[in-house]
């Protein structure tokens, strides 16, 4: 009896551990009961856990998140932190927070 092995079939039957083009893989830890609830809900809704989590994240962040949006938010947070640091007076003998942020001593 000759045993044959088709590599293409084997590759298609294996789980994919790499994110598709344009996506990033995310690993999180959940409590067991929450994990079960999400999986059960996915089965009941005939969808995937990925779709549920994606929908929840899009609701939380808004549906049209772009890199530009993230960059603008990061810049706002940085500017707010800089303004807060500028209001903090420098201690004697130490450089001010502003000069530290500018890279000066």
PDB file of N, CA and C in Angstrom:
ATOM      1  N   UNK A   1       0.847  -1.181   0.000  1.00  0.00           N
ATOM      2  CA  UNK A   1       0.000   0.000   0.000  1.00  0.00           C
ATOM      3  C   UNK A   1       0.890   1.242   0.000  1.00  0.00           C
ATOM      4  N   UNK A   2       0.653   2.128  -0.946  1.00  0.00           N
ATOM      5  CA  UNK A   2       1.437   3.347  -1.075  1.00  0.00           C
ATOM      6  C   UNK A   2       0.668   4.506  -0.442  1.00  0.00           C
ATOM      7  N   UNK A   3       1.348   5.261   0.422  1.00  0.00           N
ATOM      8  CA  UNK A   3       0.739   6.419   1.076  1.00  0.00           C
ATOM      9  C   UNK A   3       1.210   7.669   0.360  1.00  0.00           C
ATOM     10  N   UNK A   4       0.275   8.480  -0.042  1.00  0.00           N
ATOM     11  CA  UNK A   4       0.636   9.737  -0.709  1.00  0.00           C
ATOM     12  C   UNK A   4       0.319  10.902   0.212  1.00  0.00           C
ATOM     13  N   UNK A   5       1.053  11.937   0.014  1.00  0.00           N
ATOM     14  CA  UNK A   5       0.892  13.130   0.842  1.00  0.00           C
ATOM     15  C   UNK A   5       0.856  14.333  -0.082  1.00  0.00           C
ATOM     16  N   UNK A   6      -0.234  15.068  -0.043  1.00  0.00           N
ATOM     17  CA  UNK A   6      -0.371  16.253  -0.884  1.00  0.00           C
ATOM     18  C   UNK A   6      -0.109  17.487  -0.016  1.00  0.00           C
ATOM     19  N   UNK A   7       1.013  18.149  -0.262  1.00  0.00           N
ATOM     20  CA  UNK A   7       1.416  19.303   0.536  1.00  0.00           C
ATOM     21  C   UNK A   7       0.399  20.436   0.446  1.00  0.00           C
ATOM     22  N   UNK A   8      -0.149  20.682  -0.722  1.00  0.00           N
ATOM     23  CA  UNK A   8      -1.136  21.758  -0.879  1.00  0.00           C
ATOM     24  C   UNK A   8      -2.370  21.515  -0.015  1.00  0.00           C
ATOM     25  N   UNK A   9      -2.847  20.278   0.024  1.00  0.00           N
ATOM     26  CA  UNK A   9      -3.997  19.957   0.870  1.00  0.00           C
ATOM     27  C   UNK A   9      -3.654  20.146   2.346  1.00  0.00           C
ATOM     28  N   UNK A  10      -2.462  19.724   2.718  1.00  0.00           N
ATOM     29  CA  UNK A  10      -2.048  19.846   4.116  1.00  0.00           C
ATOM     30  C   UNK A  10      -1.945  21.311   4.529  1.00  0.00           C
ATOM     31  N   UNK A  11      -1.428  22.149   3.636  1.00  0.00           N
ATOM     32  CA  UNK A  11      -1.298  23.575   3.958  1.00  0.00           C
ATOM     33  C   UNK A  11      -2.675  24.206   4.140  1.00  0.00           C
ATOM     34  N   UNK A  12      -3.621  23.876   3.284  1.00  0.00           N
ATOM     35  CA  UNK A  12      -4.953  24.458   3.387  1.00  0.00           C
ATOM     36  C   UNK A  12      -5.704  23.974   4.618  1.00  0.00           C
ATOM     37  N   UNK A  13      -5.382  22.796   5.115  1.00  0.00           N
ATOM     38  CA  UNK A  13      -6.067  22.263   6.283  1.00  0.00           C
ATOM     39  C   UNK A  13      -5.473  22.745   7.601  1.00  0.00           C
ATOM     40  N   UNK A  14      -4.289  23.345   7.553  1.00  0.00           N
ATOM     41  CA  UNK A  14      -3.666  23.829   8.790  1.00  0.00           C
ATOM     42  C   UNK A  14      -4.223  25.189   9.153  1.00  0.00           C
ATOM     43  N   UNK A  15      -4.118  25.507  10.432  1.00  0.00           N
ATOM     44  CA  UNK A  15      -4.582  26.806  10.906  1.00  0.00           C
ATOM     45  C   UNK A  15      -3.613  27.883  10.445  1.00  0.00           C
ATOM     46  N   UNK A  16      -4.133  29.052  10.200  1.00  0.00           N
ATOM     47  CA  UNK A  16      -3.312  30.179   9.766  1.00  0.00           C
ATOM     48  C   UNK A  16      -2.929  30.991  10.994  1.00  0.00           C
ATOM     49  N   UNK A  17      -1.646  31.181  11.220  1.00  0.00           N
ATOM     50  CA  UNK A  17      -1.174  31.943  12.364  1.00  0.00           C
ATOM     51  C   UNK A  17      -0.642  33.309  11.965  1.00  0.00           C
ATOM     52  N   UNK A  18      -0.640  33.609  10.683  1.00  0.00           N
ATOM     53  CA  UNK A  18      -0.216  34.914  10.216  1.00  0.00           C
ATOM     54  C   UNK A  18      -1.443  35.720   9.825  1.00  0.00           C
ATOM     55  N   UNK A  19      -1.411  37.010  10.134  1.00  0.00           N
ATOM     56  CA  UNK A  19      -2.532  37.869   9.778  1.00  0.00           C
ATOM     57  C   UNK A  19      -2.549  38.088   8.269  1.00  0.00           C
ATOM     58  N   UNK A  20      -3.732  38.184   7.679  1.00  0.00           N
ATOM     59  CA  UNK A  20      -3.819  38.459   6.242  1.00  0.00           C
ATOM     60  C   UNK A  20      -3.239  39.840   5.926  1.00  0.00           C
ATOM     61  N   UNK A  21      -2.978  40.077   4.681  1.00  0.00           N
ATOM     62  CA  UNK A  21      -2.447  41.359   4.221  1.00  0.00           C
ATOM     63  C   UNK A  21      -3.335  42.508   4.709  1.00  0.00           C
ATOM     64  N   UNK A  22      -2.721  43.527   5.284  1.00  0.00           N
ATOM     65  CA  UNK A  22      -3.459  44.687   5.765  1.00  0.00           C
ATOM     66  C   UNK A  22      -3.996  44.551   7.180  1.00  0.00           C
ATOM     67  N   UNK A  23      -3.727  43.433   7.835  1.00  0.00           N
ATOM     68  CA  UNK A  23      -4.205  43.176   9.197  1.00  0.00           C
ATOM     69  C   UNK A  23      -3.024  42.937  10.128  1.00  0.00           C
ATOM     70  N   UNK A  24      -3.280  43.012  11.415  1.00  0.00           N
ATOM     71  CA  UNK A  24      -2.298  42.667  12.438  1.00  0.00           C
ATOM     72  C   UNK A  24      -2.939  41.675  13.394  1.00  0.00           C
ATOM     73  N   UNK A  25      -2.149  40.711  13.858  1.00  0.00           N
ATOM     74  CA  UNK A  25      -2.642  39.721  14.812  1.00  0.00           C
ATOM     75  C   UNK A  25      -2.595  40.314  16.205  1.00  0.00           C
ATOM     76  N   UNK A  26      -3.606  40.024  17.015  1.00  0.00           N
ATOM     77  CA  UNK A  26      -3.713  40.530  18.378  1.00  0.00           C
ATOM     78  C   UNK A  26      -3.974  39.362  19.315  1.00  0.00           C
ATOM     79  N   UNK A  27      -3.196  39.269  20.361  1.00  0.00           N
ATOM     80  CA  UNK A  27      -3.386  38.217  21.357  1.00  0.00           C
ATOM     81  C   UNK A  27      -3.736  38.882  22.674  1.00  0.00           C
ATOM     82  N   UNK A  28      -4.843  38.458  23.286  1.00  0.00           N
ATOM     83  CA  UNK A  28      -5.262  39.023  24.566  1.00  0.00           C
ATOM     84  C   UNK A  28      -5.620  37.894  25.522  1.00  0.00           C
ATOM     85  N   UNK A  29      -5.599  38.205  26.803  1.00  0.00           N
ATOM     86  CA  UNK A  29      -6.023  37.244  27.821  1.00  0.00           C
ATOM     87  C   UNK A  29      -7.407  37.648  28.312  1.00  0.00           C
ATOM     88  N   UNK A  30      -8.317  36.696  28.321  1.00  0.00           N
ATOM     89  CA  UNK A  30      -9.687  36.918  28.794  1.00  0.00           C
ATOM     90  C   UNK A  30     -10.009  35.926  29.896  1.00  0.00           C
ATOM     91  N   UNK A  31     -10.917  36.320  30.771  1.00  0.00           N
ATOM     92  CA  UNK A  31     -11.425  35.365  31.756  1.00  0.00           C
ATOM     93  C   UNK A  31     -12.184  34.282  30.998  1.00  0.00           C
ATOM     94  N   UNK A  32     -12.130  33.065  31.535  1.00  0.00           N
ATOM     95  CA  UNK A  32     -12.750  31.928  30.851  1.00  0.00           C
ATOM     96  C   UNK A  32     -14.225  32.147  30.556  1.00  0.00           C
ATOM     97  N   UNK A  33     -14.965  32.699  31.512  1.00  0.00           N
ATOM     98  CA  UNK A  33     -16.405  32.874  31.291  1.00  0.00           C
ATOM     99  C   UNK A  33     -16.691  33.876  30.169  1.00  0.00           C
ATOM    100  N   UNK A  34     -15.891  34.928  30.074  1.00  0.00           N
ATOM    101  CA  UNK A  34     -16.077  35.899  28.996  1.00  0.00           C
ATOM    102  C   UNK A  34     -15.732  35.275  27.647  1.00  0.00           C
ATOM    103  N   UNK A  35     -14.678  34.483  27.617  1.00  0.00           N
ATOM    104  CA  UNK A  35     -14.297  33.797  26.387  1.00  0.00           C
ATOM    105  C   UNK A  35     -15.417  32.876  25.905  1.00  0.00           C
ATOM    106  N   UNK A  36     -16.014  32.129  26.832  1.00  0.00           N
ATOM    107  CA  UNK A  36     -17.126  31.235  26.474  1.00  0.00           C
ATOM    108  C   UNK A  36     -18.321  32.026  25.948  1.00  0.00           C
ATOM    109  N   UNK A  37     -18.622  33.152  26.600  1.00  0.00           N
ATOM    110  CA  UNK A  37     -19.754  33.979  26.155  1.00  0.00           C
ATOM    111  C   UNK A  37     -19.549  34.475  24.727  1.00  0.00           C
ATOM    112  N   UNK A  38     -18.329  34.935  24.432  1.00  0.00           N
ATOM    113  CA  UNK A  38     -18.049  35.443  23.077  1.00  0.00           C
ATOM    114  C   UNK A  38     -18.168  34.319  22.056  1.00  0.00           C
ATOM    115  N   UNK A  39     -17.611  33.155  22.367  1.00  0.00           N
ATOM    116  CA  UNK A  39     -17.678  32.035  21.426  1.00  0.00           C
ATOM    117  C   UNK A  39     -19.126  31.578  21.197  1.00  0.00           C
ATOM    118  N   UNK A  40     -19.896  31.484  22.288  1.00  0.00           N
ATOM    119  CA  UNK A  40     -21.305  31.094  22.154  1.00  0.00           C
ATOM    120  C   UNK A  40     -22.080  32.114  21.320  1.00  0.00           C
ATOM    121  N   UNK A  41     -21.822  33.388  21.570  1.00  0.00           N
ATOM    122  CA  UNK A  41     -22.514  34.439  20.821  1.00  0.00           C
ATOM    123  C   UNK A  41     -22.151  34.359  19.342  1.00  0.00           C
ATOM    124  N   UNK A  42     -20.899  34.070  19.047  1.00  0.00           N
ATOM    125  CA  UNK A  42     -20.474  33.941  17.658  1.00  0.00           C
ATOM    126  C   UNK A  42     -21.216  32.799  16.969  1.00  0.00           C
ATOM    127  N   UNK A  43     -21.366  31.678  17.653  1.00  0.00           N
ATOM    128  CA  UNK A  43     -22.093  30.536  17.082  1.00  0.00           C
ATOM    129  C   UNK A  43     -23.566  30.900  16.874  1.00  0.00           C
ATOM    130  N   UNK A  44     -24.185  31.527  17.886  1.00  0.00           N
ATOM    131  CA  UNK A  44     -25.598  31.903  17.781  1.00  0.00           C
ATOM    132  C   UNK A  44     -25.839  32.902  16.646  1.00  0.00           C
ATOM    133  N   UNK A  45     -24.892  33.812  16.449  1.00  0.00           N
ATOM    134  CA  UNK A  45     -25.049  34.834  15.411  1.00  0.00           C
ATOM    135  C   UNK A  45     -24.486  34.399  14.060  1.00  0.00           C
ATOM    136  N   UNK A  46     -23.956  33.163  13.997  1.00  0.00           N
ATOM    137  CA  UNK A  46     -23.339  32.653  12.776  1.00  0.00           C
ATOM    138  C   UNK A  46     -22.264  33.616  12.260  1.00  0.00           C
ATOM    139  N   UNK A  47     -21.382  33.998  13.172  1.00  0.00           N
ATOM    140  CA  UNK A  47     -20.289  34.911  12.844  1.00  0.00           C
ATOM    141  C   UNK A  47     -19.018  34.390  13.509  1.00  0.00           C
ATOM    142  N   UNK A  48     -17.996  35.212  13.569  1.00  0.00           N
ATOM    143  CA  UNK A  48     -16.743  34.800  14.205  1.00  0.00           C
ATOM    144  C   UNK A  48     -16.444  35.682  15.411  1.00  0.00           C
ATOM    145  N   UNK A  49     -15.580  35.183  16.282  1.00  0.00           N
ATOM    146  CA  UNK A  49     -15.135  35.971  17.426  1.00  0.00           C
ATOM    147  C   UNK A  49     -14.417  37.220  16.917  1.00  0.00           C
ATOM    148  N   UNK A  50     -13.634  37.073  15.863  1.00  0.00           N
ATOM    149  CA  UNK A  50     -12.931  38.223  15.271  1.00  0.00           C
ATOM    150  C   UNK A  50     -13.920  39.307  14.861  1.00  0.00           C
ATOM    151  N   UNK A  51     -15.030  38.901  14.221  1.00  0.00           N
ATOM    152  CA  UNK A  51     -16.030  39.883  13.797  1.00  0.00           C
ATOM    153  C   UNK A  51     -16.657  40.591  14.998  1.00  0.00           C
ATOM    154  N   UNK A  52     -16.938  39.856  16.049  1.00  0.00           N
ATOM    155  CA  UNK A  52     -17.528  40.459  17.248  1.00  0.00           C
ATOM    156  C   UNK A  52     -16.568  41.473  17.861  1.00  0.00           C
ATOM    157  N   UNK A  53     -15.311  41.061  18.051  1.00  0.00           N
ATOM    158  CA  UNK A  53     -14.317  41.952  18.650  1.00  0.00           C
ATOM    159  C   UNK A  53     -14.085  43.173  17.761  1.00  0.00           C
ATOM    160  N   UNK A  54     -13.998  42.962  16.449  1.00  0.00           N
ATOM    161  CA  UNK A  54     -13.808  44.075  15.521  1.00  0.00           C
ATOM    162  C   UNK A  54     -14.961  45.062  15.615  1.00  0.00           C
ATOM    163  N   UNK A  55     -16.195  44.551  15.633  1.00  0.00           N
ATOM    164  CA  UNK A  55     -17.364  45.430  15.759  1.00  0.00           C
ATOM    165  C   UNK A  55     -17.324  46.229  17.049  1.00  0.00           C
ATOM    166  N   UNK A  56     -16.969  45.572  18.148  1.00  0.00           N
ATOM    167  CA  UNK A  56     -16.890  46.269  19.432  1.00  0.00           C
ATOM    168  C   UNK A  56     -15.814  47.357  19.412  1.00  0.00           C
ATOM    169  N   UNK A  57     -14.665  47.054  18.845  1.00  0.00           N
ATOM    170  CA  UNK A  57     -13.581  48.044  18.776  1.00  0.00           C
ATOM    171  C   UNK A  57     -13.944  49.206  17.864  1.00  0.00           C
ATOM    172  N   UNK A  58     -14.610  48.910  16.762  1.00  0.00           N
ATOM    173  CA  UNK A  58     -15.033  49.991  15.863  1.00  0.00           C
ATOM    174  C   UNK A  58     -16.070  50.881  16.541  1.00  0.00           C
ATOM    175  N   UNK A  59     -16.967  50.292  17.340  1.00  0.00           N
ATOM    176  CA  UNK A  59     -17.928  51.100  18.091  1.00  0.00           C
ATOM    177  C   UNK A  59     -17.216  51.966  19.118  1.00  0.00           C
ATOM    178  N   UNK A  60     -16.216  51.412  19.770  1.00  0.00           N
ATOM    179  CA  UNK A  60     -15.485  52.131  20.811  1.00  0.00           C
ATOM    180  C   UNK A  60     -14.676  53.288  20.227  1.00  0.00           C
ATOM    181  N   UNK A  61     -13.967  53.019  19.126  1.00  0.00           N
ATOM    182  CA  UNK A  61     -13.088  54.022  18.542  1.00  0.00           C
ATOM    183  C   UNK A  61     -13.738  54.837  17.433  1.00  0.00           C
ATOM    184  N   UNK A  62     -14.836  54.384  16.908  1.00  0.00           N
ATOM    185  CA  UNK A  62     -15.429  54.999  15.722  1.00  0.00           C
ATOM    186  C   UNK A  62     -15.070  54.137  14.527  1.00  0.00           C
ATOM    187  N   UNK A  63     -15.898  54.153  13.527  1.00  0.00           N
ATOM    188  CA  UNK A  63     -15.733  53.199  12.430  1.00  0.00           C
ATOM    189  C   UNK A  63     -14.624  53.555  11.458  1.00  0.00           C
ATOM    190  N   UNK A  64     -14.254  54.812  11.343  1.00  0.00           N
ATOM    191  CA  UNK A  64     -13.257  55.193  10.345  1.00  0.00           C
ATOM    192  C   UNK A  64     -11.952  55.607  11.012  1.00  0.00           C
ATOM    193  N   UNK A  65     -11.253  54.643  11.564  1.00  0.00           N
ATOM    194  CA  UNK A  65      -9.975  54.930  12.197  1.00  0.00           C
ATOM    195  C   UNK A  65      -8.888  54.812  11.136  1.00  0.00           C
ATOM    196  N   UNK A  66      -8.105  55.858  11.023  1.00  0.00           N
ATOM    197  CA  UNK A  66      -6.982  55.823  10.096  1.00  0.00           C
ATOM    198  C   UNK A  66      -5.704  56.099  10.873  1.00  0.00           C
ATOM    199  N   UNK A  67      -4.582  55.837  10.237  1.00  0.00           N
ATOM    200  CA  UNK A  67      -3.309  56.129  10.874  1.00  0.00           C
ATOM    201  C   UNK A  67      -3.211  57.621  11.167  1.00  0.00           C
ATOM    202  N   UNK A  68      -3.730  58.432  10.269  1.00  0.00           N
ATOM    203  CA  UNK A  68      -3.701  59.892  10.464  1.00  0.00           C
ATOM    204  C   UNK A  68      -4.481  60.275  11.721  1.00  0.00           C
ATOM    205  N   UNK A  69      -5.638  59.640  11.943  1.00  0.00           N
ATOM    206  CA  UNK A  69      -6.426  59.908  13.150  1.00  0.00           C
ATOM    207  C   UNK A  69      -5.635  59.564  14.409  1.00  0.00           C
ATOM    208  N   UNK A  70      -4.969  58.424  14.385  1.00  0.00           N
ATOM    209  CA  UNK A  70      -4.181  57.986  15.538  1.00  0.00           C
ATOM    210  C   UNK A  70      -3.017  58.948  15.769  1.00  0.00           C
ATOM    211  N   UNK A  71      -2.365  59.353  14.683  1.00  0.00           N
ATOM    212  CA  UNK A  71      -1.231  60.275  14.790  1.00  0.00           C
ATOM    213  C   UNK A  71      -1.678  61.624  15.359  1.00  0.00           C
ATOM    214  N   UNK A  72      -2.824  62.126  14.894  1.00  0.00           N
ATOM    215  CA  UNK A  72      -3.336  63.395  15.404  1.00  0.00           C
ATOM    216  C   UNK A  72      -3.662  63.304  16.891  1.00  0.00           C
ATOM    217  N   UNK A  73      -4.270  62.203  17.307  1.00  0.00           N
ATOM    218  CA  UNK A  73      -4.598  62.019  18.724  1.00  0.00           C
ATOM    219  C   UNK A  73      -3.329  61.937  19.564  1.00  0.00           C
ATOM    220  N   UNK A  74      -2.327  61.225  19.069  1.00  0.00           N
ATOM    221  CA  UNK A  74      -1.054  61.126  19.791  1.00  0.00           C
ATOM    222  C   UNK A  74      -0.396  62.488  19.918  1.00  0.00           C
ATOM    223  N   UNK A  75      -0.455  63.288  18.861  1.00  0.00           N
ATOM    224  CA  UNK A  75       0.121  64.631  18.915  1.00  0.00           C
ATOM    225  C   UNK A  75      -0.616  65.512  19.919  1.00  0.00           C
ATOM    226  N   UNK A  76      -1.935  65.395  19.979  1.00  0.00           N
ATOM    227  CA  UNK A  76      -2.706  66.168  20.958  1.00  0.00           C
ATOM    228  C   UNK A  76      -2.314  65.779  22.380  1.00  0.00           C
ATOM    229  N   UNK A  77      -2.193  64.474  22.621  1.00  0.00           N
ATOM    230  CA  UNK A  77      -1.797  64.008  23.949  1.00  0.00           C
ATOM    231  C   UNK A  77      -0.397  64.487  24.308  1.00  0.00           C
ATOM    232  N   UNK A  78       0.519  64.442  23.339  1.00  0.00           N
ATOM    233  CA  UNK A  78       1.884  64.901  23.578  1.00  0.00           C
ATOM    234  C   UNK A  78       1.891  66.399  23.869  1.00  0.00           C
ATOM    235  N   UNK A  79       1.143  67.181  23.068  1.00  0.00           N
ATOM    236  CA  UNK A  79       1.083  68.627  23.286  1.00  0.00           C
ATOM    237  C   UNK A  79       0.533  68.951  24.667  1.00  0.00           C
ATOM    238  N   UNK A  80      -0.496  68.214  25.098  1.00  0.00           N
ATOM    239  CA  UNK A  80      -1.074  68.437  26.424  1.00  0.00           C
ATOM    240  C   UNK A  80      -0.050  68.123  27.503  1.00  0.00           C
ATOM    241  N   UNK A  81       0.716  67.056  27.313  1.00  0.00           N
ATOM    242  CA  UNK A  81       1.744  66.685  28.293  1.00  0.00           C
ATOM    243  C   UNK A  81       2.846  67.746  28.328  1.00  0.00           C
ATOM    244  N   UNK A  82       3.231  68.262  27.179  1.00  0.00           N
ATOM    245  CA  UNK A  82       4.255  69.305  27.129  1.00  0.00           C
ATOM    246  C   UNK A  82       3.770  70.549  27.870  1.00  0.00           C
ATOM    247  N   UNK A  83       2.525  70.947  27.614  1.00  0.00           N
ATOM    248  CA  UNK A  83       1.973  72.129  28.316  1.00  0.00           C
ATOM    249  C   UNK A  83       1.969  71.903  29.824  1.00  0.00           C
ATOM    250  N   UNK A  84       1.625  70.702  30.247  1.00  0.00           N
ATOM    251  CA  UNK A  84       1.620  70.386  31.679  1.00  0.00           C
ATOM    252  C   UNK A  84       3.033  70.456  32.245  1.00  0.00           C
ATOM    253  N   UNK A  85       4.010  69.942  31.504  1.00  0.00           N
ATOM    254  CA  UNK A  85       5.397  69.942  31.965  1.00  0.00           C
ATOM    255  C   UNK A  85       5.963  71.360  32.023  1.00  0.00           C
ATOM    256  N   UNK A  86       5.570  72.216  31.084  1.00  0.00           N
ATOM    257  CA  UNK A  86       6.060  73.595  31.065  1.00  0.00           C
ATOM    258  C   UNK A  86       5.596  74.345  32.305  1.00  0.00           C
ATOM    259  N   UNK A  87       4.394  74.048  32.773  1.00  0.00           N
ATOM    260  CA  UNK A  87       3.851  74.721  33.958  1.00  0.00           C
ATOM    261  C   UNK A  87       4.574  74.311  35.231  1.00  0.00           C
ATOM    262  N   UNK A  88       5.309  73.198  35.199  1.00  0.00           N
ATOM    263  CA  UNK A  88       6.045  72.733  36.369  1.00  0.00           C
ATOM    264  C   UNK A  88       7.372  73.483  36.432  1.00  0.00           C
ATOM    265  N   UNK A  89       7.610  74.291  37.476  1.00  0.00           N
ATOM    266  CA  UNK A  89       8.862  75.058  37.531  1.00  0.00           C
ATOM    267  C   UNK A  89      10.072  74.136  37.712  1.00  0.00           C
ATOM    268  N   UNK A  90      11.190  74.593  37.166  1.00  0.00           N
ATOM    269  CA  UNK A  90      12.432  73.821  37.297  1.00  0.00           C
ATOM    270  C   UNK A  90      12.961  73.940  38.721  1.00  0.00           C
ATOM    271  N   UNK A  91      13.545  72.872  39.216  1.00  0.00           N
ATOM    272  CA  UNK A  91      14.164  72.894  40.535  1.00  0.00           C
ATOM    273  C   UNK A  91      15.573  73.446  40.380  1.00  0.00           C
ATOM    274  N   UNK A  92      16.075  74.094  41.428  1.00  0.00           N
ATOM    275  CA  UNK A  92      17.395  74.710  41.339  1.00  0.00           C
ATOM    276  C   UNK A  92      18.453  73.669  40.973  1.00  0.00           C
ATOM    277  N   UNK A  93      19.327  74.066  40.042  1.00  0.00           N
ATOM    278  CA  UNK A  93      20.419  73.192  39.640  1.00  0.00           C
ATOM    279  C   UNK A  93      20.024  72.126  38.637  1.00  0.00           C
ATOM    280  N   UNK A  94      18.756  72.056  38.294  1.00  0.00           N
ATOM    281  CA  UNK A  94      18.288  71.059  37.328  1.00  0.00           C
ATOM    282  C   UNK A  94      17.719  71.781  36.112  1.00  0.00           C
ATOM    283  N   UNK A  95      17.858  71.170  34.951  1.00  0.00           N
ATOM    284  CA  UNK A  95      17.259  71.791  33.763  1.00  0.00           C
ATOM    285  C   UNK A  95      15.735  71.734  33.848  1.00  0.00           C
ATOM    286  N   UNK A  96      15.090  72.693  33.217  1.00  0.00           N
ATOM    287  CA  UNK A  96      13.631  72.721  33.217  1.00  0.00           C
ATOM    288  C   UNK A  96      13.085  71.564  32.388  1.00  0.00           C
ATOM    289  N   UNK A  97      11.833  71.259  32.614  1.00  0.00           N
ATOM    290  CA  UNK A  97      11.187  70.193  31.849  1.00  0.00           C
ATOM    291  C   UNK A  97      11.186  70.532  30.354  1.00  0.00           C
ATOM    292  N   UNK A  98      10.933  71.809  30.036  1.00  0.00           N
ATOM    293  CA  UNK A  98      10.895  72.210  28.635  1.00  0.00           C
ATOM    294  C   UNK A  98      12.241  71.999  27.971  1.00  0.00           C
ATOM    295  N   UNK A  99      13.323  72.386  28.642  1.00  0.00           N
ATOM    296  CA  UNK A  99      14.643  72.197  28.034  1.00  0.00           C
ATOM    297  C   UNK A  99      14.972  70.712  27.916  1.00  0.00           C
ATOM    298  N   UNK A 100      14.483  69.899  28.858  1.00  0.00           N
ATOM    299  CA  UNK A 100      14.703  68.460  28.752  1.00  0.00           C
ATOM    300  C   UNK A 100      13.977  67.915  27.529  1.00  0.00           C
ATOM    301  N   UNK A 101      12.732  68.376  27.308  1.00  0.00           N
ATOM    302  CA  UNK A 101      11.967  67.921  26.156  1.00  0.00           C
ATOM    303  C   UNK A 101      12.610  68.372  24.864  1.00  0.00           C
ATOM    304  N   UNK A 102      13.240  69.539  24.877  1.00  0.00           N
ATOM    305  CA  UNK A 102      13.918  70.044  23.685  1.00  0.00           C
ATOM    306  C   UNK A 102      15.277  69.398  23.481  1.00  0.00           C
ATOM    307  N   UNK A 103      15.737  68.645  24.473  1.00  0.00           N
ATOM    308  CA  UNK A 103      17.024  67.969  24.371  1.00  0.00           C
ATOM    309  C   UNK A 103      18.186  68.807  24.854  1.00  0.00           C
ATOM    310  N   UNK A 104      17.888  69.915  25.563  1.00  0.00           N
ATOM    311  CA  UNK A 104      18.943  70.773  26.083  1.00  0.00           C
ATOM    312  C   UNK A 104      19.184  70.465  27.536  1.00  0.00           C
ATOM    313  N   UNK A 105      20.342  70.829  28.024  1.00  0.00           N
ATOM    314  CA  UNK A 105      20.649  70.632  29.443  1.00  0.00           C
ATOM    315  C   UNK A 105      20.667  71.942  30.175  1.00  0.00           C
TER     316      UNK A 105
END
